Protein backbone atom coordinates (compact mmCIF):
# COMPACT_ATOMS: atom_id res chain seq x y z
CA MET A 1 0.00 0.00 0.00
CA GLN A 2 1.40 3.39 -0.90
CA SER A 3 3.06 5.10 2.05
CA ASP A 4 0.87 8.21 1.69
CA ILE A 5 -2.26 6.07 2.11
CA VAL A 6 -0.75 4.29 5.12
CA ASP A 7 0.10 7.68 6.66
CA LEU A 8 -3.42 8.93 5.92
CA ILE A 9 -5.04 5.89 7.56
CA GLU A 10 -2.84 6.28 10.64
CA ARG A 11 -3.57 10.03 10.86
CA VAL A 12 -7.34 9.49 10.63
CA ARG A 13 -7.10 6.68 13.15
CA ARG A 14 -5.29 8.99 15.65
CA ARG A 15 -7.70 11.87 15.08
CA LEU A 16 -10.71 9.62 15.66
CA ALA A 17 -9.12 8.21 18.82
CA ASP A 18 -8.45 11.75 20.07
CA ILE A 19 -12.16 12.57 19.90
CA GLU A 20 -13.21 9.09 21.07
CA ARG A 21 -14.93 8.12 17.81
CA ARG A 22 -15.12 4.67 16.26
CA CYS A 23 -12.21 3.44 14.16
CA VAL A 24 -12.09 -0.34 14.01
CA ILE A 25 -9.18 -2.12 12.35
CA ALA A 26 -9.55 -5.91 12.10
CA GLY A 27 -5.79 -6.48 11.98
CA PRO A 28 -3.44 -7.86 9.36
CA ALA A 29 -4.55 -10.87 7.34
CA ALA A 30 -2.15 -13.69 6.54
CA GLU A 31 -1.36 -14.42 2.89
CA ASP A 32 -3.07 -17.82 3.12
CA ALA A 33 -6.26 -16.13 4.38
CA VAL A 34 -6.19 -13.69 1.45
CA ALA A 35 -5.65 -16.57 -1.00
CA ALA A 36 -8.49 -18.55 0.60
CA ALA A 37 -10.84 -15.56 0.24
CA GLU A 38 -9.90 -15.22 -3.42
CA GLU A 39 -10.56 -18.91 -3.95
CA ARG A 40 -13.97 -18.78 -2.21
CA LEU A 41 -14.97 -15.79 -4.34
CA GLY A 42 -13.51 -17.21 -7.55
CA THR A 43 -11.35 -14.22 -8.40
CA SER A 44 -8.02 -12.51 -7.82
CA PHE A 45 -7.96 -9.31 -5.79
CA PRO A 46 -6.25 -6.23 -7.22
CA PRO A 47 -2.87 -5.32 -5.66
CA SER A 48 -4.17 -2.30 -3.69
CA TYR A 49 -6.91 -4.39 -2.07
CA ARG A 50 -4.56 -7.31 -1.30
CA GLU A 51 -2.17 -4.88 0.41
CA PHE A 52 -5.03 -3.37 2.42
CA LEU A 53 -6.07 -6.85 3.58
CA ARG A 54 -2.50 -7.81 4.48
CA ARG A 55 -1.95 -4.60 6.49
CA TYR A 56 -5.39 -3.82 7.99
CA GLY A 57 -7.77 -6.73 7.35
CA ALA A 58 -10.87 -4.50 7.40
CA MET A 59 -11.68 -1.01 8.65
CA GLY A 60 -14.72 0.82 9.99
CA ILE A 61 -15.18 4.53 10.66
CA PRO A 62 -18.22 6.54 11.85
CA ALA A 63 -21.04 6.43 9.29
CA ASP A 64 -21.71 10.15 9.60
CA LEU A 65 -18.23 11.13 8.42
CA ALA A 66 -17.95 9.61 4.96
CA VAL A 67 -19.70 8.10 1.96
CA VAL A 68 -17.93 4.79 2.70
CA HIS A 69 -17.90 3.89 6.39
CA ASP A 70 -16.99 0.20 6.31
CA PHE A 71 -14.09 -1.04 4.23
CA CYS A 72 -14.91 -4.74 3.98
CA GLY A 73 -12.09 -7.21 4.25
CA LEU A 74 -11.08 -10.23 6.25
CA ALA A 75 -12.95 -9.92 9.53
CA ALA A 76 -14.29 -13.37 10.37
CA ASP A 77 -15.58 -12.13 13.74
CA ASP A 78 -17.79 -9.56 11.95
CA PRO A 79 -19.80 -11.03 9.05
CA ALA A 80 -21.15 -7.55 8.24
CA THR A 81 -17.68 -6.40 7.15
CA ASP A 82 -16.21 -9.70 5.99
CA VAL A 83 -15.67 -9.55 2.21
CA VAL A 84 -16.43 -13.24 1.67
CA SER A 85 -19.63 -13.34 3.76
CA THR A 86 -20.86 -10.02 2.42
CA THR A 87 -20.18 -10.84 -1.23
CA LEU A 88 -21.60 -14.38 -1.08
CA SER A 89 -24.75 -13.06 0.64
CA ALA A 90 -25.09 -10.34 -2.00
CA ARG A 91 -24.71 -12.90 -4.77
CA ALA A 92 -27.44 -15.06 -3.24
CA ALA A 93 -29.89 -12.33 -2.23
CA ASN A 94 -29.28 -9.72 -4.92
CA GLN A 95 -27.90 -11.81 -7.77
CA LEU A 96 -24.69 -9.79 -7.62
CA ALA A 97 -22.54 -10.78 -10.60
CA ASP A 98 -19.59 -13.10 -9.93
CA HIS A 99 -17.09 -10.46 -11.06
CA LEU A 100 -18.26 -7.97 -8.39
CA ILE A 101 -16.74 -8.04 -4.88
CA VAL A 102 -18.29 -5.94 -2.07
CA VAL A 103 -15.39 -3.99 -0.53
CA GLY A 104 -17.21 -1.03 1.01
CA LYS A 105 -20.52 -0.06 2.55
CA GLY A 106 -22.10 3.36 2.67
CA ALA A 107 -25.36 5.02 3.66
CA ASN A 108 -25.57 2.71 6.67
CA ALA A 109 -25.01 -0.36 4.48
CA ALA A 110 -27.71 0.66 1.96
CA GLU A 111 -24.99 1.20 -0.66
CA TRP A 112 -22.30 -1.28 -1.64
CA PHE A 113 -19.01 -0.34 -3.24
CA CYS A 114 -17.85 -3.23 -5.41
CA LEU A 115 -14.61 -4.05 -7.15
CA ASP A 116 -15.38 -4.90 -10.77
CA THR A 117 -12.81 -7.62 -11.35
CA GLY A 118 -14.21 -8.07 -14.86
CA ARG A 119 -12.61 -4.73 -15.79
CA ALA A 120 -9.12 -5.36 -14.41
CA GLU A 121 -6.32 -3.39 -16.06
CA ASP A 122 -2.90 -4.79 -16.95
CA GLY A 123 -1.57 -4.12 -13.43
CA GLY A 124 -4.54 -5.92 -11.91
CA GLU A 125 -6.31 -2.83 -10.55
CA CYS A 126 -10.01 -2.47 -11.28
CA PRO A 127 -12.69 0.19 -10.80
CA VAL A 128 -15.00 0.41 -7.81
CA LEU A 129 -18.69 0.59 -8.72
CA LEU A 130 -21.60 1.73 -6.60
CA PHE A 131 -24.27 -0.97 -6.31
CA ASP A 132 -27.72 -0.11 -4.98
CA PRO A 133 -29.09 -3.24 -3.27
CA ALA A 134 -32.59 -1.74 -2.92
CA ALA A 135 -32.84 -1.26 -6.69
CA ASN A 136 -30.67 -4.35 -7.25
CA GLN A 137 -28.53 -2.59 -9.84
CA ILE A 138 -25.20 -0.96 -10.53
CA ASP A 139 -25.42 2.79 -10.17
CA GLN A 140 -22.08 4.11 -11.52
CA ILE A 141 -18.31 3.81 -11.47
CA PHE A 142 -17.39 5.66 -8.29
CA TYR A 143 -13.60 5.27 -7.94
CA ASP A 144 -10.79 4.32 -10.32
CA ASP A 145 -9.55 1.60 -7.95
CA PHE A 146 -9.58 0.50 -4.31
CA GLY A 147 -6.58 2.67 -3.37
CA ALA A 148 -8.30 5.74 -4.82
CA MET A 149 -11.44 4.93 -2.79
CA VAL A 150 -9.48 4.72 0.47
CA ARG A 151 -7.54 7.90 -0.33
CA GLU A 152 -10.55 10.01 -1.34
CA VAL A 153 -12.75 8.88 1.55
CA LEU A 154 -10.09 9.29 4.22
CA GLU A 155 -8.85 12.64 2.85
CA PHE A 156 -12.40 13.91 3.25
CA VAL A 157 -12.56 12.54 6.81
CA ASP A 158 -9.13 13.98 7.61
CA ASP A 159 -10.16 17.43 6.30
CA THR A 160 -13.41 17.27 8.25
CA LEU A 161 -11.67 16.33 11.50
CA ARG A 162 -8.88 18.88 11.03
CA ASN A 163 -11.31 21.72 10.29
CA ASP A 164 -13.90 20.70 12.88
CA GLY A 165 -16.52 20.76 10.16
CA PRO A 166 -17.02 20.10 6.46
CA PRO A 167 -14.02 20.72 4.20
CA ARG A 168 -13.84 24.20 2.74
CA ASP A 169 -13.36 24.85 -0.98
């Protein structure tokens, strides 16, 4: 994971701790756990997502601070943020396509942010789409890749926390 994203995650984590707000990190996932998740989901994860899983596992921040509040990953103790449980449930209940992987939740879990592994680029990165489970359809491409999603969401949170209010233009 790029060092600027790691620094950003750590800065947001400290700022949330300072104001006693939720920031849950599942903890690093072992390579065999990442490989097992890929096998269960029938796909390969893009490099930025694999690195996130290896370093953080999964991450949750307060829902009122960002469009994405749960970064799904490998969190077996929390099926709501476990990428395998969440994606397999979405495939069963919402006929989510096999090439989509739920990696983020927003609007109190009423929006899913999905990696579109069917659109992987040469380096293995793929776009993140917004899926509306209520309408049972893809809404739009929201981020260029998983790393961009983490960066954009947490930069917004960081600005909000630093300014004690919404970011200023």
